[in-house]
Amino acid sequence: MNKFTHINATSVDEAVSILRRYGNKANLIAGGTDLFGKLKDEIMPTHPEAVVNLKTIPGLDFIRQEDDLLKIGALTRLADIAAEPIIQSKYAALAEAASRTASTHLREMGTLGGNLCQDIRCWYYRSPNNRFPCLRKSGGLCYALEGDDRYHSIFGGSVEDGCIAVHPSDTAPALIALDARIKTSKRIVSAQNFFCVDECKTTILDDDEIVTEIHVPQPPGKSAFAKFALRKAIDFPIVNGAAMIAISDGVVSAAHICLNAVYILPYKVTLAEQTLIGQPLNEVSAQAAGDAAVSNAKPRHRNQFMVEVARALVKKIVLACR
């Protein structure tokens, strides 16, 4: 691991000031469950000059219900979110997503802000010593296009249609399905619009911007989350997803469904949502939603199985909202 300056920020303003001083040569650290692995394996073409510790900033670790709005600090640990009774009862998709992230030990360290801002997990991108200088690291190509694409996008790519690495967060689809908003040191943005794909970037955050809070309105219906992975613990998702379904007069009046790990961004399946509106929530309508969710899938040679997983998972989370 290369040397860097470690700075304990004592306020949001100080953290922002430090980031401005170092520009794109600084990294933020909260729980450290993503960053330390990246630094140790030296996966990036350049190394940070500074690592700014956010854990020393007071007041960013909290869960508060204010009227019909749930507010969660960016430094709140995933384990605390999963165990919070208010979240379990009113925002079930988020509680389940937090409880299914990584392992018990990592949930005691990892934060909600970090889970949203984590980097991609493509095995070419993450190869030690920058062995594959890919498109997402200012290189020339996506190695997965001609290589092992088992767990890559089934809905196309980006960066001029070159990169097919998927977004790995478990909490992201839950927050999108729950219509959450993310507050930063500069602005408030919807969770759906928080993510982006660019070289060395997975969010819209500027170099001098940090996440401070997540705001989740009380949903008008029930919500659910499900995850398919090879193991129940530790593994990143092969497919995950969340749904929020509201019922009025015996039919679906509102539907928010988001998949992840199937596309370069968290994937809002609007066709599935439209299929459900005005229909009773049952096996038939849930199956139709699952079919609609993957109707425009474009799987590659080795990941066609992900289409069937996504179809079944959408049906499962829709029915869980009954």
Protein backbone atom coordinates (compact mmCIF):
# COMPACT_ATOMS: atom_id res chain seq x y z
CA MET A 1 0.00 0.00 0.00
CA ASN A 2 1.34 3.42 -0.95
CA LYS A 3 1.73 6.18 1.62
CA PHE A 4 -0.93 8.85 2.00
CA THR A 5 -1.85 11.62 4.45
CA HIS A 6 -4.66 10.61 6.82
CA ILE A 7 -6.81 13.53 7.99
CA ASN A 8 -9.53 13.37 10.66
CA ALA A 9 -12.21 15.87 9.64
CA THR A 10 -14.12 17.41 12.55
CA SER A 11 -16.97 18.96 10.55
CA VAL A 12 -18.63 18.74 7.16
CA ASP A 13 -17.23 22.15 6.25
CA GLU A 14 -13.71 21.05 7.15
CA ALA A 15 -14.06 17.86 5.11
CA VAL A 16 -15.24 19.87 2.11
CA SER A 17 -12.34 22.31 2.53
CA ILE A 18 -9.83 19.45 2.56
CA LEU A 19 -11.39 17.92 -0.53
CA ARG A 20 -11.12 21.24 -2.33
CA ARG A 21 -7.46 21.48 -1.37
CA TYR A 22 -6.61 18.04 -2.77
CA GLY A 23 -9.07 17.95 -5.66
CA ASN A 24 -9.46 14.47 -7.12
CA LYS A 25 -6.35 13.28 -5.26
CA ALA A 26 -8.25 12.64 -2.03
CA ASN A 27 -10.45 9.73 -0.97
CA LEU A 28 -13.13 9.69 1.69
CA ILE A 29 -13.34 6.96 4.29
CA ALA A 30 -16.24 6.05 6.56
CA GLY A 31 -16.45 2.35 7.44
CA GLY A 32 -13.54 1.61 5.10
CA THR A 33 -14.94 -1.73 3.93
CA ASP A 34 -14.58 -0.73 0.27
CA LEU A 35 -11.67 1.72 0.27
CA PHE A 36 -9.13 -0.37 2.19
CA GLY A 37 -9.43 -3.23 -0.26
CA LYS A 38 -8.93 -0.87 -3.19
CA LEU A 39 -5.84 0.69 -1.62
CA LYS A 40 -4.33 -2.61 -0.51
CA ASP A 41 -4.72 -4.23 -3.93
CA GLU A 42 -3.64 -1.04 -5.74
CA ILE A 43 -6.37 -1.46 -8.31
CA MET A 44 -6.37 2.16 -9.49
CA PRO A 45 -3.92 3.76 -11.96
CA THR A 46 -3.16 6.58 -9.50
CA HIS A 47 -2.94 6.68 -5.71
CA PRO A 48 -4.58 9.17 -3.32
CA GLU A 49 -2.43 11.79 -1.67
CA ALA A 50 -4.89 12.06 1.23
CA VAL A 51 -7.59 9.99 2.89
CA VAL A 52 -10.19 12.07 4.72
CA ASN A 53 -11.79 10.33 7.69
CA LEU A 54 -15.49 11.18 8.10
CA LYS A 55 -16.05 9.10 11.24
CA THR A 56 -14.63 11.93 13.35
CA ILE A 57 -17.43 14.30 12.27
CA PRO A 58 -20.09 14.39 15.01
CA GLY A 59 -23.79 14.30 14.21
CA LEU A 60 -23.79 12.16 11.06
CA ASP A 61 -24.82 8.90 12.77
CA PHE A 62 -28.54 8.98 13.58
CA ILE A 63 -31.98 7.59 12.77
CA ARG A 64 -34.88 9.99 13.33
CA GLN A 65 -38.55 9.91 12.44
CA GLU A 66 -39.79 13.48 11.92
CA ASP A 67 -43.52 13.47 11.14
CA ASP A 68 -43.81 11.39 7.97
CA LEU A 69 -40.12 11.64 7.06
CA LEU A 70 -37.40 9.21 8.11
CA LYS A 71 -33.96 10.83 8.34
CA ILE A 72 -30.79 8.73 8.47
CA GLY A 73 -27.29 10.11 8.86
CA ALA A 74 -24.78 9.08 6.23
CA LEU A 75 -22.49 7.52 8.87
CA THR A 76 -25.24 5.33 10.33
CA ARG A 77 -24.09 1.72 10.31
CA LEU A 78 -25.97 -0.82 8.26
CA ALA A 79 -26.41 -3.05 11.32
CA ASP A 80 -28.22 -0.26 13.17
CA ILE A 81 -30.52 0.37 10.21
CA ALA A 82 -31.37 -3.32 9.93
CA ALA A 83 -32.17 -3.55 13.66
CA GLU A 84 -34.21 -0.33 13.99
CA PRO A 85 -37.87 -1.17 14.79
CA ILE A 86 -39.24 1.92 13.01
CA ILE A 87 -37.47 0.96 9.80
CA GLN A 88 -38.49 -2.67 10.12
CA SER A 89 -42.16 -1.75 10.50
CA LYS A 90 -42.56 1.19 8.11
CA TYR A 91 -39.67 0.85 5.64
CA ALA A 92 -39.28 -2.92 5.44
CA ALA A 93 -37.38 -2.94 2.13
CA LEU A 94 -34.61 -0.79 3.59
CA ALA A 95 -34.33 -2.85 6.77
CA GLU A 96 -34.10 -6.08 4.77
CA ALA A 97 -31.58 -4.61 2.31
CA ALA A 98 -29.35 -3.46 5.15
CA SER A 99 -29.61 -6.85 6.84
CA ARG A 100 -28.58 -8.68 3.65
CA THR A 101 -25.52 -6.54 2.90
CA ALA A 102 -22.18 -8.33 3.28
CA SER A 103 -21.54 -10.14 6.59
CA THR A 104 -22.45 -9.45 10.21
CA HIS A 105 -19.03 -7.98 10.93
CA LEU A 106 -19.01 -5.78 7.84
CA ARG A 107 -22.49 -4.45 8.65
CA GLU A 108 -21.13 -3.35 12.01
CA MET A 109 -18.54 -1.25 10.15
CA GLY A 110 -20.14 -0.27 6.85
CA THR A 111 -22.29 2.85 6.63
CA LEU A 112 -25.35 3.74 4.58
CA GLY A 113 -23.48 6.54 2.81
CA GLY A 114 -20.63 4.21 1.98
CA ASN A 115 -22.94 1.53 0.63
CA LEU A 116 -24.47 4.08 -1.74
CA CYS A 117 -21.12 5.49 -2.86
CA GLN A 118 -19.17 2.24 -3.21
CA ASP A 119 -17.21 1.44 -6.33
CA ILE A 120 -18.07 -1.23 -8.89
CA ARG A 121 -17.06 -4.86 -8.30
CA CYS A 122 -16.15 -6.00 -11.83
CA TRP A 123 -13.30 -8.50 -11.52
CA TYR A 124 -11.34 -6.78 -14.31
CA TYR A 125 -11.73 -3.38 -12.67
CA ARG A 126 -10.78 -4.85 -9.28
CA SER A 127 -7.82 -6.89 -10.47
CA PRO A 128 -4.75 -6.13 -8.27
CA ASN A 129 -1.99 -3.84 -9.47
CA ASN A 130 -4.23 -2.29 -12.14
CA ARG A 131 -3.67 -5.34 -14.30
CA PHE A 132 -6.57 -4.37 -16.55
CA PRO A 133 -6.56 -0.58 -17.19
CA CYS A 134 -10.18 -0.61 -18.32
CA LEU A 135 -12.55 2.00 -19.69
CA ARG A 136 -13.76 3.00 -16.22
CA LYS A 137 -10.15 3.81 -15.26
CA SER A 138 -9.43 5.96 -18.34
CA GLY A 139 -8.18 2.93 -20.25
CA GLY A 140 -9.11 1.88 -23.73
CA LEU A 141 -11.63 -0.93 -23.44
CA CYS A 142 -13.96 -3.05 -21.32
CA TYR A 143 -12.32 -6.44 -20.89
CA ALA A 144 -15.63 -8.06 -19.95
CA LEU A 145 -16.96 -7.49 -23.47
CA GLU A 146 -14.65 -10.20 -24.78
CA GLY A 147 -13.97 -11.93 -21.48
CA ASP A 148 -15.93 -13.35 -18.55
CA ASP A 149 -19.29 -11.54 -18.46
CA ARG A 150 -21.15 -13.91 -16.10
CA TYR A 151 -22.31 -11.22 -13.66
CA HIS A 152 -22.36 -8.17 -15.91
CA SER A 153 -25.18 -6.03 -17.29
CA ILE A 154 -28.16 -7.63 -19.00
CA PHE A 155 -29.52 -4.25 -20.12
CA GLY A 156 -26.59 -2.78 -22.05
CA GLY A 157 -23.63 -0.56 -21.17
CA SER A 158 -22.29 2.97 -20.91
CA VAL A 159 -19.21 5.16 -21.32
CA GLU A 160 -19.96 5.18 -25.04
CA ASP A 161 -21.63 1.77 -24.58
CA GLY A 162 -18.32 0.19 -23.65
CA CYS A 163 -18.58 -0.68 -19.93
CA ILE A 164 -20.99 -3.38 -18.75
CA ALA A 165 -19.99 -3.47 -15.06
CA VAL A 166 -23.06 -3.48 -12.78
CA HIS A 167 -23.85 -1.36 -9.75
CA PRO A 168 -23.43 -3.48 -6.58
CA SER A 169 -25.31 -1.68 -3.79
CA ASP A 170 -28.00 -3.51 -1.80
CA THR A 171 -29.51 -0.40 -0.21
CA ALA A 172 -29.73 1.61 -3.45
CA PRO A 173 -32.73 -0.23 -4.95
CA ALA A 174 -34.58 -0.09 -1.63
CA LEU A 175 -34.10 3.66 -1.35
CA ILE A 176 -35.15 4.21 -4.95
CA ALA A 177 -38.28 2.08 -4.50
CA LEU A 178 -39.07 4.10 -1.36
CA ASP A 179 -38.64 7.39 -3.25
CA ALA A 180 -35.82 8.56 -0.97
CA ARG A 181 -33.80 11.73 -1.35
CA ILE A 182 -30.12 12.14 -0.62
CA LYS A 183 -28.81 15.28 1.05
CA THR A 184 -25.21 16.29 0.40
CA SER A 185 -23.03 19.18 1.44
CA LYS A 186 -24.31 21.01 -1.67
CA ARG A 187 -27.81 19.85 -2.58
CA ILE A 188 -30.68 17.41 -2.19
CA VAL A 189 -31.26 14.93 -5.01
CA SER A 190 -33.59 11.98 -5.51
CA ALA A 191 -32.01 8.59 -4.96
CA GLN A 192 -32.95 7.63 -8.51
CA ASN A 193 -30.86 10.53 -9.87
CA PHE A 194 -27.93 10.12 -7.47
CA PHE A 195 -26.02 7.52 -9.47
CA CYS A 196 -23.98 8.00 -12.63
CA VAL A 197 -21.41 6.18 -14.72
CA ASP A 198 -18.12 7.82 -15.53
CA GLU A 199 -14.41 7.19 -15.25
CA CYS A 200 -13.67 6.37 -11.60
CA LYS A 201 -17.18 7.53 -10.57
CA THR A 202 -20.44 5.85 -9.60
CA THR A 203 -22.34 8.90 -8.26
CA ILE A 204 -23.01 12.51 -9.24
CA LEU A 205 -20.92 13.78 -6.31
CA ASP A 206 -18.38 16.47 -7.14
CA ASP A 207 -14.81 16.10 -5.89
CA ASP A 208 -15.61 18.44 -2.97
CA GLU A 209 -19.03 17.02 -2.06
CA ILE A 210 -20.08 14.46 0.56
CA VAL A 211 -23.32 12.74 1.52
CA THR A 212 -24.70 13.92 4.87
CA GLU A 213 -28.25 12.54 5.21
CA ILE A 214 -30.80 10.27 3.55
CA HIS A 215 -34.48 11.25 3.70
CA VAL A 216 -37.18 8.62 3.19
CA PRO A 217 -40.87 9.60 3.05
CA GLN A 218 -43.34 7.25 4.68
CA PRO A 219 -44.50 4.96 1.87
CA PRO A 220 -48.21 4.75 0.98
CA GLY A 221 -48.02 0.96 0.84
CA LYS A 222 -45.92 -2.05 1.76
CA SER A 223 -42.34 -2.57 0.62
CA ALA A 224 -40.06 -5.58 0.21
CA PHE A 225 -36.49 -6.44 -0.78
CA ALA A 226 -34.92 -9.65 -2.06
CA LYS A 227 -31.41 -10.66 -3.07
CA PHE A 228 -30.01 -13.54 -5.06
CA ALA A 229 -26.37 -14.40 -4.37
CA LEU A 230 -24.29 -17.56 -4.28
CA ARG A 231 -24.04 -17.36 -0.50
CA LYS A 232 -26.41 -15.78 2.01
CA ALA A 233 -23.55 -13.94 3.71
CA ILE A 234 -20.72 -11.75 2.38
CA ASP A 235 -21.48 -12.11 -1.34
CA PHE A 236 -22.41 -9.18 -3.52
CA PRO A 237 -25.70 -9.62 -5.37
CA ILE A 238 -26.05 -11.40 -8.66
CA VAL A 239 -29.50 -9.79 -8.77
CA ASN A 240 -31.29 -7.83 -6.07
CA GLY A 241 -34.33 -5.60 -6.01
CA ALA A 242 -36.96 -3.77 -4.02
CA ALA A 243 -40.61 -2.89 -4.50
CA MET A 244 -43.16 -0.58 -2.90
CA ILE A 245 -46.77 -1.34 -3.78
CA ALA A 246 -49.85 0.63 -2.67
CA ILE A 247 -53.34 -0.87 -2.90
CA SER A 248 -56.58 1.12 -3.22
CA ASP A 249 -60.06 -0.34 -3.72
CA GLY A 250 -58.56 -3.77 -4.29
CA VAL A 251 -56.17 -2.79 -7.10
CA VAL A 252 -52.64 -1.43 -7.34
CA SER A 253 -52.65 2.38 -7.19
CA ALA A 254 -48.88 2.94 -7.02
CA ALA A 255 -45.88 0.77 -7.80
CA HIS A 256 -42.15 1.47 -7.48
CA ILE A 257 -39.81 -1.36 -8.47
CA CYS A 258 -36.03 -1.19 -8.77
CA LEU A 259 -33.52 -3.90 -9.63
CA ASN A 260 -29.78 -3.73 -9.08
CA ALA A 261 -26.68 -5.66 -10.14
CA VAL A 262 -28.32 -6.10 -13.55
CA TYR A 263 -27.28 -2.80 -15.15
CA ILE A 264 -24.63 -0.11 -14.89
CA LEU A 265 -26.99 1.86 -12.62
CA PRO A 266 -29.80 0.83 -10.28
CA TYR A 267 -32.49 -0.12 -12.78
CA LYS A 268 -36.02 1.25 -12.32
CA VAL A 269 -38.31 -1.22 -14.10
CA THR A 270 -41.02 1.16 -15.26
CA LEU A 271 -42.62 -1.41 -17.59
CA ALA A 272 -43.25 -3.68 -14.63
CA GLU A 273 -44.68 -0.79 -12.63
CA GLN A 274 -47.06 0.15 -15.45
CA THR A 275 -48.18 -3.45 -15.79
CA LEU A 276 -49.34 -3.52 -12.17
CA ILE A 277 -51.30 -0.25 -12.04
CA GLY A 278 -55.04 -0.90 -11.88
CA GLN A 279 -54.61 -4.63 -11.40
CA PRO A 280 -55.31 -6.78 -8.33
CA LEU A 281 -52.13 -7.92 -6.66
CA ASN A 282 -51.96 -11.66 -7.19
CA GLU A 283 -49.90 -14.41 -8.81
CA VAL A 284 -51.03 -13.47 -12.31
CA SER A 285 -50.25 -9.75 -12.06
CA ALA A 286 -46.96 -10.42 -10.26
CA GLN A 287 -45.90 -12.83 -13.02
CA ALA A 288 -46.83 -10.22 -15.62
CA ALA A 289 -44.69 -7.68 -13.78
CA GLY A 290 -41.76 -10.09 -13.77
CA ASP A 291 -42.15 -10.71 -17.50
CA ALA A 292 -42.35 -6.98 -18.22
CA ALA A 293 -39.28 -6.27 -16.11
CA VAL A 294 -37.03 -8.30 -18.40
CA SER A 295 -38.87 -7.76 -21.68
CA ASN A 296 -36.10 -5.51 -23.03
CA ALA A 297 -33.16 -7.44 -21.57
CA LYS A 298 -30.10 -7.92 -23.75
CA PRO A 299 -28.13 -10.67 -21.99
CA ARG A 300 -24.67 -11.66 -23.08
CA HIS A 301 -23.16 -15.08 -23.73
CA ARG A 302 -22.55 -16.15 -20.11
CA ASN A 303 -25.18 -14.21 -18.16
CA GLN A 304 -28.46 -15.25 -19.76
CA PHE A 305 -29.40 -16.97 -16.49
CA MET A 306 -29.64 -13.51 -14.87
CA VAL A 307 -32.72 -12.74 -16.94
CA GLU A 308 -34.65 -15.60 -15.33
CA VAL A 309 -33.35 -14.67 -11.89
CA ALA A 310 -34.51 -11.08 -12.36
CA ARG A 311 -37.92 -12.22 -13.64
CA ALA A 312 -38.47 -14.46 -10.61
CA LEU A 313 -37.13 -11.90 -8.16
CA VAL A 314 -39.53 -9.19 -9.38
CA LYS A 315 -42.45 -11.57 -8.95
CA LYS A 316 -41.23 -12.42 -5.44
CA ILE A 317 -40.89 -8.85 -4.19
CA VAL A 318 -44.20 -7.79 -5.72
CA LEU A 319 -46.05 -10.61 -3.98
CA ALA A 320 -44.27 -9.80 -0.72
CA CYS A 321 -46.02 -6.41 -0.76
CA ARG A 322 -49.49 -7.96 -0.42
